[in-house]
Amino acid sequence: MKPILALLTLALFAAPAAAQEAQSPASTSDLGAPVPTMGEVETIEQQDGGLTFTVTDESEWQDLGIAIPGFATDRDTPTPANSSGTAALGKELARVVFNDLKNNGLFKPVGPDSLPQPTFPQITAPNWPTWSSRGAEMLVHGYVRARGDNKLTVGCYLYDMALKSELVREGWVVEPGEWRRAAHKCSDLVYSRLSGEDPFFDSRIAYIAETGPKGNRVKRLAIMDSDGANHRFITTGRSTALTPRFSPDYSKLLYLSYVDGNPRIYVYDIGTGRQTLVTESGNPTIAPRWSPDGRYILYSMAVAGNTDIYRVPAGGGQSVRLTDAPGIDIGGSYSPDGSQIVFESDRSGGQQIYVMNADGSNQRRISFFGGRAATPEWSPRGDQIAFTRIAGDFNIAVMSPNGRNMRTLTDGWQDEAPTWSPNGRIIQFFRTERGSGKASLWQVDLTGRNLRRLPTPVDASDPAWGPILP
């Protein structure tokens, strides 16, 4: 498999133009069935109290024991969410919360398959001796109830065992098909209350699904929940797709497609299943990125032998060239406030990381640590930039926006294309195996010690982690 870095350094010749809807049969033939839109998740109650602390020091923090028994139900009722009823669904909800907190690497949870099942009245009045004898420091209780309109009410409670008191509670009303979102919101509630960090479990990931032999890979656009569930293909694989990015409001996907034989950037509307060509020209464009407010799209294009970064309104309009130095300028990731852009350029002789103001002014190199550096992504917290460090092998690294405090987080053979979790604490990337060319998605936290592979039904590359779901 070719590294994505090589694919993004093509010499391109084109002139930008307004976005327009792709009408020709060839330009729409690679789209699969429209993806079902997300249902609303209504928050119904919230209460806070107790103690909190933070893990922003990025140290290992894996000793806090959390008991997560099955969610209770007031009566076992049939539901479209689970053919066995709400009692079985309660176990499934707790399993999702358990796996979220276990895979995060910060806690030592025990799940519902190893714990007694609480009754419905015990959800708000825990049987403290039951859980104290198991050494739990924190207790997560929950319930699920089927409503007359087929919707589900899911509640989540976090208790401090030492204080024998409730720390926080919240509840949500969801459609049956959105029950996993309620579980992820419970995970987010527990994680945020105990860590002091922003939530991230209730989010989605776009990526490129890969199948076929090494020399002839089929690459399809796909999306899934943050834990790999609810997997869906967007494109059919008739043409290669690359570098997807969710819009800030999750309504659209920006991606690169070879649907007409040339690399061109499209915006896919998740609700309608229609796509729009970002720039119409006879030549390719690459490396698309959204602005934080969703109003603009950055992309790279070559004119007269020089590859530069351009900005175009997301709804169409005149493109503005932001870079004009000799060489290849690729990508572009906005700072969270939209005031700056980080990008890669070989203007100094090799791939390095540069920062500029959002209007293209004040361009300056920030990577001076040996080797090459590519695919930079600004953290949602604004405090760090993740990138691919190329010093023999390809690995994921982070540095401060001023180029200092560089740390390498992985030690694979070919790890590249980092993307941040919504809270800026975890980085996802794809790893290519030596020899076979097989690619897979991985996650690493900012300590570099909690590394795990994310399950996907097929090989996977080019991940893009979206924001917290609305």
Protein backbone atom coordinates (compact mmCIF):
# COMPACT_ATOMS: atom_id res chain seq x y z
CA MET A 1 0.00 0.00 0.00
CA LYS A 2 1.25 3.49 -0.79
CA PRO A 3 1.58 5.84 2.18
CA ILE A 4 -1.02 8.56 2.21
CA LEU A 5 1.84 11.04 2.25
CA ALA A 6 2.83 9.97 -1.23
CA LEU A 7 -0.72 10.28 -2.50
CA LEU A 8 -0.92 13.84 -1.22
CA THR A 9 2.18 15.06 -3.07
CA LEU A 10 0.82 14.71 -6.60
CA ALA A 11 1.57 17.57 -8.96
CA LEU A 12 -1.81 19.10 -9.81
CA PHE A 13 -2.74 21.71 -12.40
CA ALA A 14 -6.13 23.43 -12.17
CA ALA A 15 -7.93 26.71 -11.61
CA PRO A 16 -10.45 26.98 -8.74
CA ALA A 17 -14.12 27.64 -9.37
CA ALA A 18 -17.45 27.64 -7.58
CA ALA A 19 -18.81 24.49 -5.98
CA GLN A 20 -21.65 22.87 -7.87
CA GLU A 21 -23.76 19.77 -7.54
CA ALA A 22 -22.33 16.72 -9.29
CA GLN A 23 -24.96 15.76 -11.87
CA SER A 24 -23.31 13.36 -14.29
CA PRO A 25 -23.98 9.62 -13.86
CA ALA A 26 -20.27 8.93 -13.44
CA SER A 27 -19.94 11.37 -10.56
CA THR A 28 -22.74 9.77 -8.53
CA SER A 29 -22.25 6.11 -9.42
CA ASP A 30 -19.99 5.41 -6.45
CA LEU A 31 -22.58 6.39 -3.78
CA GLY A 32 -24.34 3.71 -1.78
CA ALA A 33 -27.73 4.03 -0.07
CA PRO A 34 -28.20 7.21 2.03
CA VAL A 35 -27.19 6.87 5.67
CA PRO A 36 -30.10 7.10 8.15
CA THR A 37 -30.09 10.43 9.95
CA MET A 38 -29.45 10.57 13.68
CA GLY A 39 -32.39 10.75 16.05
CA GLU A 40 -32.57 13.40 18.73
CA VAL A 41 -31.28 12.60 22.20
CA GLU A 42 -33.21 14.57 24.79
CA THR A 43 -31.56 15.18 28.16
CA ILE A 44 -34.20 14.88 30.87
CA GLU A 45 -32.38 15.38 34.14
CA GLN A 46 -29.07 16.49 35.50
CA GLN A 47 -27.58 16.92 38.96
CA ASP A 48 -24.03 17.51 40.11
CA GLY A 49 -22.17 17.27 43.36
CA GLY A 50 -19.28 15.58 45.16
CA LEU A 51 -15.61 15.81 44.31
CA THR A 52 -13.77 15.99 41.04
CA PHE A 53 -10.17 16.02 39.82
CA THR A 54 -8.35 16.14 36.52
CA VAL A 55 -6.05 13.98 34.44
CA THR A 56 -4.70 16.75 32.23
CA ASP A 57 -1.24 16.01 33.64
CA GLU A 58 -1.25 13.10 31.13
CA SER A 59 0.04 10.62 33.73
CA GLU A 60 -1.04 6.99 33.95
CA TRP A 61 -4.23 6.66 35.98
CA GLN A 62 -5.47 3.10 35.93
CA ASP A 63 -6.26 2.17 39.53
CA LEU A 64 -9.76 3.51 40.12
CA GLY A 65 -12.13 0.55 40.41
CA ILE A 66 -15.61 1.09 38.94
CA ALA A 67 -18.45 -1.42 39.25
CA ILE A 68 -20.90 -1.32 36.33
CA PRO A 69 -23.77 -3.80 36.87
CA GLY A 70 -26.60 -4.25 34.40
CA PHE A 71 -29.04 -1.38 34.04
CA ALA A 72 -32.34 -2.21 35.75
CA THR A 73 -35.84 -1.89 34.34
CA ASP A 74 -39.16 -1.32 36.10
CA ARG A 75 -40.75 -4.04 33.98
CA ASP A 76 -39.36 -6.27 31.26
CA THR A 77 -41.02 -4.85 28.14
CA PRO A 78 -40.56 -5.72 24.46
CA THR A 79 -38.66 -3.05 22.55
CA PRO A 80 -37.39 -2.68 18.96
CA ALA A 81 -33.97 -2.06 20.51
CA ASN A 82 -33.70 -5.66 21.77
CA SER A 83 -35.91 -8.60 20.86
CA SER A 84 -35.47 -10.05 24.36
CA GLY A 85 -36.86 -6.96 26.10
CA THR A 86 -35.68 -4.12 28.30
CA ALA A 87 -34.03 -6.40 30.88
CA ALA A 88 -31.65 -7.78 28.24
CA LEU A 89 -31.18 -4.29 26.86
CA GLY A 90 -30.12 -3.12 30.34
CA LYS A 91 -27.26 -5.63 30.26
CA GLU A 92 -26.24 -4.42 26.81
CA LEU A 93 -26.23 -0.79 27.93
CA ALA A 94 -23.94 -1.63 30.83
CA ARG A 95 -21.62 -3.62 28.56
CA VAL A 96 -21.17 -0.60 26.29
CA VAL A 97 -20.34 1.62 29.28
CA PHE A 98 -17.93 -1.03 30.61
CA ASN A 99 -16.10 -1.34 27.30
CA ASP A 100 -15.92 2.44 26.82
CA LEU A 101 -14.27 2.94 30.21
CA LYS A 102 -12.06 -0.15 29.93
CA ASN A 103 -10.73 0.72 26.49
CA ASN A 104 -9.99 4.28 27.56
CA GLY A 105 -7.17 2.97 29.76
CA LEU A 106 -7.82 5.28 32.73
CA PHE A 107 -9.94 3.02 34.94
CA LYS A 108 -10.33 -0.57 36.15
CA PRO A 109 -14.01 -1.26 35.53
CA VAL A 110 -15.85 -4.49 36.23
CA GLY A 111 -18.76 -5.17 33.90
CA PRO A 112 -22.27 -6.60 34.27
CA ASP A 113 -21.32 -10.17 33.37
CA SER A 114 -19.25 -10.39 36.60
CA LEU A 115 -21.61 -8.55 38.95
CA PRO A 116 -25.00 -9.11 40.61
CA GLN A 117 -28.00 -7.42 39.01
CA PRO A 118 -29.50 -4.57 41.08
CA THR A 119 -33.25 -4.17 41.31
CA PHE A 120 -35.02 -1.13 39.95
CA PRO A 121 -35.51 0.52 43.42
CA GLN A 122 -31.80 0.02 44.17
CA ILE A 123 -30.79 2.29 41.29
CA THR A 124 -31.45 5.36 43.45
CA ALA A 125 -30.85 3.58 46.79
CA PRO A 126 -27.78 1.34 46.32
CA ASN A 127 -27.19 -1.70 48.52
CA TRP A 128 -23.84 -0.40 49.73
CA PRO A 129 -22.57 -3.64 51.38
CA THR A 130 -22.97 -5.54 48.07
CA TRP A 131 -20.54 -3.24 46.32
CA SER A 132 -18.18 -2.48 49.24
CA SER A 133 -17.39 -6.18 49.53
CA ARG A 134 -16.23 -6.18 45.91
CA GLY A 135 -13.65 -3.44 46.40
CA ALA A 136 -15.34 -0.95 44.10
CA GLU A 137 -14.43 2.68 44.62
CA MET A 138 -17.08 3.99 42.24
CA LEU A 139 -20.46 2.53 41.29
CA VAL A 140 -22.40 3.15 38.10
CA HIS A 141 -26.11 2.40 38.27
CA GLY A 142 -28.56 2.81 35.44
CA TYR A 143 -32.04 2.02 34.28
CA VAL A 144 -33.95 1.67 31.02
CA ARG A 145 -37.71 2.07 30.55
CA ALA A 146 -39.81 1.59 27.43
CA ARG A 147 -42.29 4.41 26.78
CA GLY A 148 -45.65 4.22 25.11
CA ASP A 149 -44.32 6.02 22.02
CA ASN A 150 -41.65 3.30 21.53
CA LYS A 151 -38.89 5.61 22.74
CA LEU A 152 -36.60 4.64 25.60
CA THR A 153 -35.77 6.51 28.79
CA VAL A 154 -32.25 5.71 30.02
CA GLY A 155 -30.86 6.97 33.34
CA CYS A 156 -27.27 6.94 34.60
CA TYR A 157 -26.04 7.46 38.19
CA LEU A 158 -22.49 7.65 39.54
CA TYR A 159 -21.87 6.92 43.22
CA ASP A 160 -18.78 7.37 45.41
CA MET A 161 -18.46 4.24 47.52
CA ALA A 162 -16.28 5.82 50.21
CA LEU A 163 -18.71 8.70 50.72
CA LYS A 164 -21.76 6.50 50.02
CA SER A 165 -23.20 9.39 48.07
CA GLU A 166 -24.29 10.25 44.56
CA LEU A 167 -21.85 12.31 42.53
CA VAL A 168 -23.86 12.93 39.38
CA ARG A 169 -26.92 11.70 37.46
CA GLU A 170 -28.41 12.29 34.06
CA GLY A 171 -31.10 10.81 31.87
CA TRP A 172 -31.95 10.73 28.17
CA VAL A 173 -34.88 9.92 25.91
CA VAL A 174 -33.79 8.14 22.71
CA GLU A 175 -35.25 6.32 19.75
CA PRO A 176 -34.77 2.53 19.96
CA GLY A 177 -32.14 2.66 17.23
CA GLU A 178 -30.12 5.21 19.23
CA TRP A 179 -29.82 3.21 22.48
CA ARG A 180 -26.05 2.94 22.15
CA ARG A 181 -25.85 6.74 22.17
CA ALA A 182 -27.46 6.76 25.61
CA ALA A 183 -24.81 4.27 26.79
CA HIS A 184 -22.02 6.43 25.36
CA LYS A 185 -23.52 9.49 27.06
CA CYS A 186 -23.45 7.59 30.35
CA SER A 187 -19.78 6.77 29.72
CA ASP A 188 -19.13 10.44 28.97
CA LEU A 189 -20.91 11.45 32.18
CA VAL A 190 -18.75 9.13 34.28
CA TYR A 191 -15.51 9.94 32.46
CA SER A 192 -16.01 13.71 32.65
CA ARG A 193 -17.09 13.67 36.30
CA LEU A 194 -14.10 11.62 37.42
CA SER A 195 -11.40 13.00 35.14
CA GLY A 196 -12.34 16.64 34.72
CA GLU A 197 -11.92 16.23 30.95
CA ASP A 198 -14.47 16.92 28.22
CA PRO A 199 -16.49 13.95 26.87
CA PHE A 200 -15.72 12.04 23.67
CA PHE A 201 -17.49 8.66 23.59
CA ASP A 202 -20.71 9.95 21.93
CA SER A 203 -19.01 10.69 18.62
CA ARG A 204 -18.42 9.10 15.23
CA ILE A 205 -15.47 8.21 13.04
CA ALA A 206 -15.17 8.33 9.27
CA TYR A 207 -12.48 6.27 7.57
CA ILE A 208 -11.50 4.51 4.37
CA ALA A 209 -12.43 0.81 4.29
CA GLU A 210 -9.91 -1.24 2.28
CA THR A 211 -10.33 -4.65 0.65
CA GLY A 212 -8.61 -6.59 -2.13
CA PRO A 213 -5.00 -7.53 -2.90
CA LYS A 214 -2.08 -5.29 -2.00
CA GLY A 215 -1.54 -4.00 -5.53
CA ASN A 216 -5.21 -3.38 -6.27
CA ARG A 217 -6.95 -2.14 -3.13
CA VAL A 218 -10.64 -1.14 -3.17
CA LYS A 219 -11.12 1.93 -0.96
CA ARG A 220 -14.60 2.87 0.25
CA LEU A 221 -15.80 5.71 2.44
CA ALA A 222 -17.30 4.41 5.70
CA ILE A 223 -18.54 5.75 9.04
CA MET A 224 -19.10 4.19 12.47
CA ASP A 225 -19.56 5.02 16.14
CA SER A 226 -16.47 5.82 18.22
CA ASP A 227 -16.35 2.19 19.46
CA GLY A 228 -16.71 0.67 15.98
CA ALA A 229 -20.45 -0.11 16.19
CA ASN A 230 -23.15 0.96 13.69
CA HIS A 231 -20.78 0.58 10.78
CA ARG A 232 -22.00 1.84 7.38
CA PHE A 233 -20.44 2.18 3.92
CA ILE A 234 -21.05 5.46 2.09
CA THR A 235 -19.49 4.61 -1.28
CA THR A 236 -19.58 1.36 -3.22
CA GLY A 237 -15.87 1.06 -4.00
CA ARG A 238 -16.13 1.57 -7.76
CA SER A 239 -13.60 4.40 -7.35
CA THR A 240 -10.96 5.22 -4.75
CA ALA A 241 -11.95 7.47 -1.84
CA LEU A 242 -9.51 9.17 0.58
CA THR A 243 -9.19 11.63 3.49
CA PRO A 244 -12.77 12.01 4.82
CA ARG A 245 -13.68 14.78 7.28
CA PHE A 246 -16.96 15.38 9.16
CA SER A 247 -18.41 18.89 9.08
CA PRO A 248 -18.61 20.49 12.57
CA ASP A 249 -22.37 19.78 12.74
CA TYR A 250 -22.10 16.19 11.40
CA SER A 251 -24.47 16.96 8.53
CA LYS A 252 -21.85 16.50 5.81
CA LEU A 253 -18.72 14.55 4.90
CA LEU A 254 -15.87 16.09 2.97
CA TYR A 255 -13.69 13.62 1.06
CA LEU A 256 -11.43 13.04 -1.91
CA SER A 257 -12.69 10.77 -4.70
CA TYR A 258 -11.32 9.43 -7.98
CA VAL A 259 -14.87 8.89 -9.24
CA ASP A 260 -14.19 10.52 -12.62
CA GLY A 261 -10.60 9.31 -12.88
CA ASN A 262 -9.04 12.37 -11.22
CA PRO A 263 -8.72 13.20 -7.51
CA ARG A 264 -11.46 15.73 -6.74
CA ILE A 265 -13.09 16.92 -3.53
CA TYR A 266 -16.76 16.27 -2.79
CA VAL A 267 -19.13 17.16 0.04
CA TYR A 268 -21.56 14.34 0.85
CA ASP A 269 -24.81 15.36 2.57
CA ILE A 270 -25.54 12.62 5.11
CA GLY A 271 -29.24 13.47 5.35
CA THR A 272 -30.06 13.56 1.64
CA GLY A 273 -27.40 11.24 0.23
CA ARG A 274 -26.45 13.84 -2.40
CA GLN A 275 -22.94 15.06 -3.07
CA THR A 276 -21.50 18.36 -4.23
CA LEU A 277 -18.26 18.97 -6.09
CA VAL A 278 -16.24 21.53 -4.13
CA THR A 279 -14.25 22.83 -7.09
CA GLU A 280 -15.15 22.31 -10.73
CA SER A 281 -12.19 22.15 -13.07
CA GLY A 282 -10.56 19.77 -15.52
CA ASN A 283 -7.82 18.88 -13.04
CA PRO A 284 -7.58 17.34 -9.56
CA THR A 285 -7.61 18.86 -6.06
CA ILE A 286 -6.54 17.17 -2.81
CA ALA A 287 -6.29 17.31 1.01
CA PRO A 288 -9.64 18.86 2.02
CA ARG A 289 -10.29 20.28 5.51
CA TRP A 290 -13.18 22.19 7.14
CA SER A 291 -12.85 25.44 9.03
CA PRO A 292 -14.05 25.17 12.68
CA ASP A 293 -17.28 27.04 11.88
CA GLY A 294 -17.99 24.98 8.75
CA ARG A 295 -18.05 28.05 6.51
CA TYR A 296 -14.88 27.31 4.54
CA ILE A 297 -12.98 24.41 3.05
CA LEU A 298 -9.20 24.27 2.65
CA TYR A 299 -7.66 22.25 -0.16
CA SER A 300 -4.40 21.95 -2.10
CA MET A 301 -3.99 22.44 -5.84
CA ALA A 302 -1.08 22.93 -8.25
CA VAL A 303 -0.97 25.83 -10.67
CA ALA A 304 2.03 26.41 -12.97
CA GLY A 305 4.05 23.76 -11.15
CA ASN A 306 3.45 25.08 -7.64
CA THR A 307 1.15 23.26 -5.19
CA ASP A 308 -0.53 25.72 -2.83
CA ILE A 309 -3.29 25.83 -0.24
CA TYR A 310 -6.60 27.47 -1.13
CA ARG A 311 -9.73 28.40 0.78
CA VAL A 312 -13.22 28.26 -0.74
CA PRO A 313 -16.65 28.93 0.83
CA ALA A 314 -18.32 25.62 1.70
CA GLY A 315 -21.41 26.61 -0.26
CA GLY A 316 -19.48 27.67 -3.36
CA GLY A 317 -17.78 30.84 -4.44
CA GLN A 318 -14.39 32.20 -5.36
CA SER A 319 -11.31 30.40 -4.04
CA VAL A 320 -8.53 32.35 -2.33
CA ARG A 321 -4.92 31.21 -2.52
CA LEU A 322 -3.25 31.27 0.92
CA THR A 323 0.29 30.10 0.10
CA ASP A 324 2.58 30.91 -2.85
CA ALA A 325 6.09 29.80 -1.83
CA PRO A 326 8.01 27.55 -4.25
CA GLY A 327 7.37 23.90 -3.42
CA ILE A 328 4.47 21.71 -2.34
CA ASP A 329 2.14 22.98 0.39
CA ILE A 330 -0.31 20.32 1.53
CA GLY A 331 -3.23 20.04 3.91
CA GLY A 332 -4.11 22.63 6.44
CA SER A 333 -5.69 22.23 9.87
CA TYR A 334 -7.26 25.19 11.63
CA SER A 335 -6.62 26.07 15.25
CA PRO A 336 -9.83 25.67 17.31
CA ASP A 337 -10.52 29.42 17.25
CA GLY A 338 -10.01 29.57 13.48
CA SER A 339 -7.26 32.18 13.70
CA GLN A 340 -4.34 30.02 12.48
CA ILE A 341 -3.66 27.14 10.11
CA VAL A 342 -0.99 24.46 10.44
CA PHE A 343 0.20 22.77 7.23
CA GLU A 344 3.07 20.81 5.72
CA SER A 345 5.46 22.12 3.09
CA ASP A 346 8.69 21.03 1.40
CA ARG A 347 9.78 24.63 0.69
CA SER A 348 12.84 24.06 2.91
CA GLY A 349 13.88 20.95 0.98
CA GLY A 350 11.89 18.28 2.84
CA GLN A 351 8.49 17.85 4.46
CA GLN A 352 8.19 20.09 7.52
CA ILE A 353 5.41 21.73 9.57
CA TYR A 354 4.48 25.40 9.16
CA VAL A 355 1.92 27.69 10.75
CA MET A 356 0.24 30.75 9.23
CA ASN A 357 -2.56 33.12 10.06
CA ALA A 358 -5.97 32.17 8.66
CA ASP A 359 -5.59 34.76 5.87
CA GLY A 360 -2.24 33.27 4.78
CA SER A 361 -0.02 35.87 6.42
CA ASN A 362 2.89 35.27 8.82
CA GLN A 363 3.97 31.86 7.48
CA ARG A 364 6.72 30.31 9.60
CA ARG A 365 8.28 26.89 10.08
CA ILE A 366 7.87 25.32 13.53
CA SER A 367 9.46 21.82 13.16
CA PHE A 368 13.23 21.74 13.79
CA PHE A 369 13.88 18.35 15.41
CA GLY A 370 15.45 16.22 12.67
CA GLY A 371 13.79 13.99 10.12
CA ARG A 372 10.66 15.00 8.25
CA ALA A 373 7.19 15.92 9.49
CA ALA A 374 3.81 15.69 7.75
CA THR A 375 -0.01 15.52 8.12
CA PRO A 376 -0.35 17.99 11.03
CA GLU A 377 -3.64 18.22 12.96
CA TRP A 378 -4.38 20.87 15.57
CA SER A 379 -5.80 19.59 18.84
CA PRO A 380 -9.40 20.62 19.69
CA ARG A 381 -7.95 21.96 22.94
CA GLY A 382 -5.53 24.14 20.99
CA ASP A 383 -2.55 23.17 23.11
CA GLN A 384 -0.84 20.63 20.82
CA ILE A 385 -0.36 19.65 17.20
CA ALA A 386 -0.27 15.97 16.22
CA PHE A 387 1.66 14.95 13.12
CA THR A 388 3.45 12.10 11.35
CA ARG A 389 7.15 12.07 12.21
CA ILE A 390 9.31 10.47 9.53
CA ALA A 391 12.72 9.49 10.87
CA GLY A 392 13.31 6.12 9.25
CA ASP A 393 9.93 4.74 10.29
CA PHE A 394 6.66 6.66 10.30
CA ASN A 395 5.34 7.41 13.79
CA ILE A 396 2.77 9.63 15.53
CA ALA A 397 4.13 12.56 17.50
CA VAL A 398 2.87 15.74 19.17
CA MET A 399 4.37 19.15 19.79
CA SER A 400 3.33 22.54 21.12
CA PRO A 401 2.03 25.07 18.58
CA ASN A 402 5.39 26.86 18.82
CA GLY A 403 7.23 23.67 17.77
CA ARG A 404 8.60 22.84 21.21
CA ASN A 405 8.06 19.86 23.52
CA MET A 406 8.01 17.28 20.72
CA ARG A 407 7.15 13.75 21.89
CA THR A 408 6.86 10.57 19.81
CA LEU A 409 3.88 8.47 20.94
CA THR A 410 4.12 5.33 18.77
CA ASP A 411 6.87 3.04 17.54
CA GLY A 412 5.32 1.21 14.59
CA TRP A 413 6.77 0.76 11.13
CA GLN A 414 4.28 3.00 9.34
CA ASP A 415 1.92 4.97 11.62
CA GLU A 416 0.41 8.06 10.01
CA ALA A 417 -2.49 10.49 9.53
CA PRO A 418 -3.38 11.43 13.13
CA THR A 419 -6.85 12.65 14.05
CA TRP A 420 -7.91 13.89 17.49
CA SER A 421 -10.73 12.74 19.74
CA PRO A 422 -13.27 15.52 20.44
CA ASN A 423 -11.69 16.25 23.83
CA GLY A 424 -8.12 16.35 22.51
CA ARG A 425 -6.84 13.58 24.78
CA ILE A 426 -6.67 10.62 22.37
CA ILE A 427 -5.19 10.39 18.88
CA GLN A 428 -6.40 7.96 16.26
CA PHE A 429 -4.25 7.01 13.28
CA PHE A 430 -3.74 4.16 10.83
CA ARG A 431 -0.96 1.60 10.89
CA THR A 432 0.29 -0.29 7.83
CA GLU A 433 1.86 -3.71 8.24
CA ARG A 434 5.26 -4.28 6.71
CA GLY A 435 5.09 -6.64 3.75
CA SER A 436 1.36 -7.31 3.58
CA GLY A 437 0.33 -3.68 3.19
CA LYS A 438 -2.71 -4.28 5.43
CA ALA A 439 -3.91 -1.16 7.25
CA SER A 440 -5.79 -0.83 10.54
CA LEU A 441 -7.00 1.91 12.88
CA TRP A 442 -5.28 2.48 16.21
CA GLN A 443 -5.65 4.85 19.14
CA VAL A 444 -3.06 6.17 21.56
CA ASP A 445 -3.48 8.56 24.46
CA LEU A 446 -1.16 11.45 25.24
CA THR A 447 0.98 9.36 27.58
CA GLY A 448 1.88 7.07 24.68
CA ARG A 449 1.30 4.07 26.95
CA ASN A 450 -2.36 3.29 26.29
CA LEU A 451 -2.38 1.94 22.72
CA ARG A 452 -5.15 -0.17 21.22
CA ARG A 453 -6.47 -1.29 17.88
CA LEU A 454 -9.99 -0.23 16.93
CA PRO A 455 -12.05 -3.08 15.43
CA THR A 456 -13.29 -2.61 11.86
CA PRO A 457 -14.95 -5.20 9.59
CA VAL A 458 -12.25 -4.76 6.93
CA ASP A 459 -8.83 -3.10 6.68
CA ALA A 460 -8.95 0.61 7.45
CA SER A 461 -7.02 3.83 6.81
CA ASP A 462 -7.41 7.64 6.77
CA PRO A 463 -9.46 8.03 9.99
CA ALA A 464 -11.27 11.25 10.90
CA TRP A 465 -12.76 11.61 14.38
CA GLY A 466 -15.80 13.89 14.45
CA PRO A 467 -16.89 16.21 17.28
CA ILE A 468 -19.31 15.26 20.05
CA LEU A 469 -22.67 14.45 18.48
CA PRO A 470 -25.29 17.21 18.75
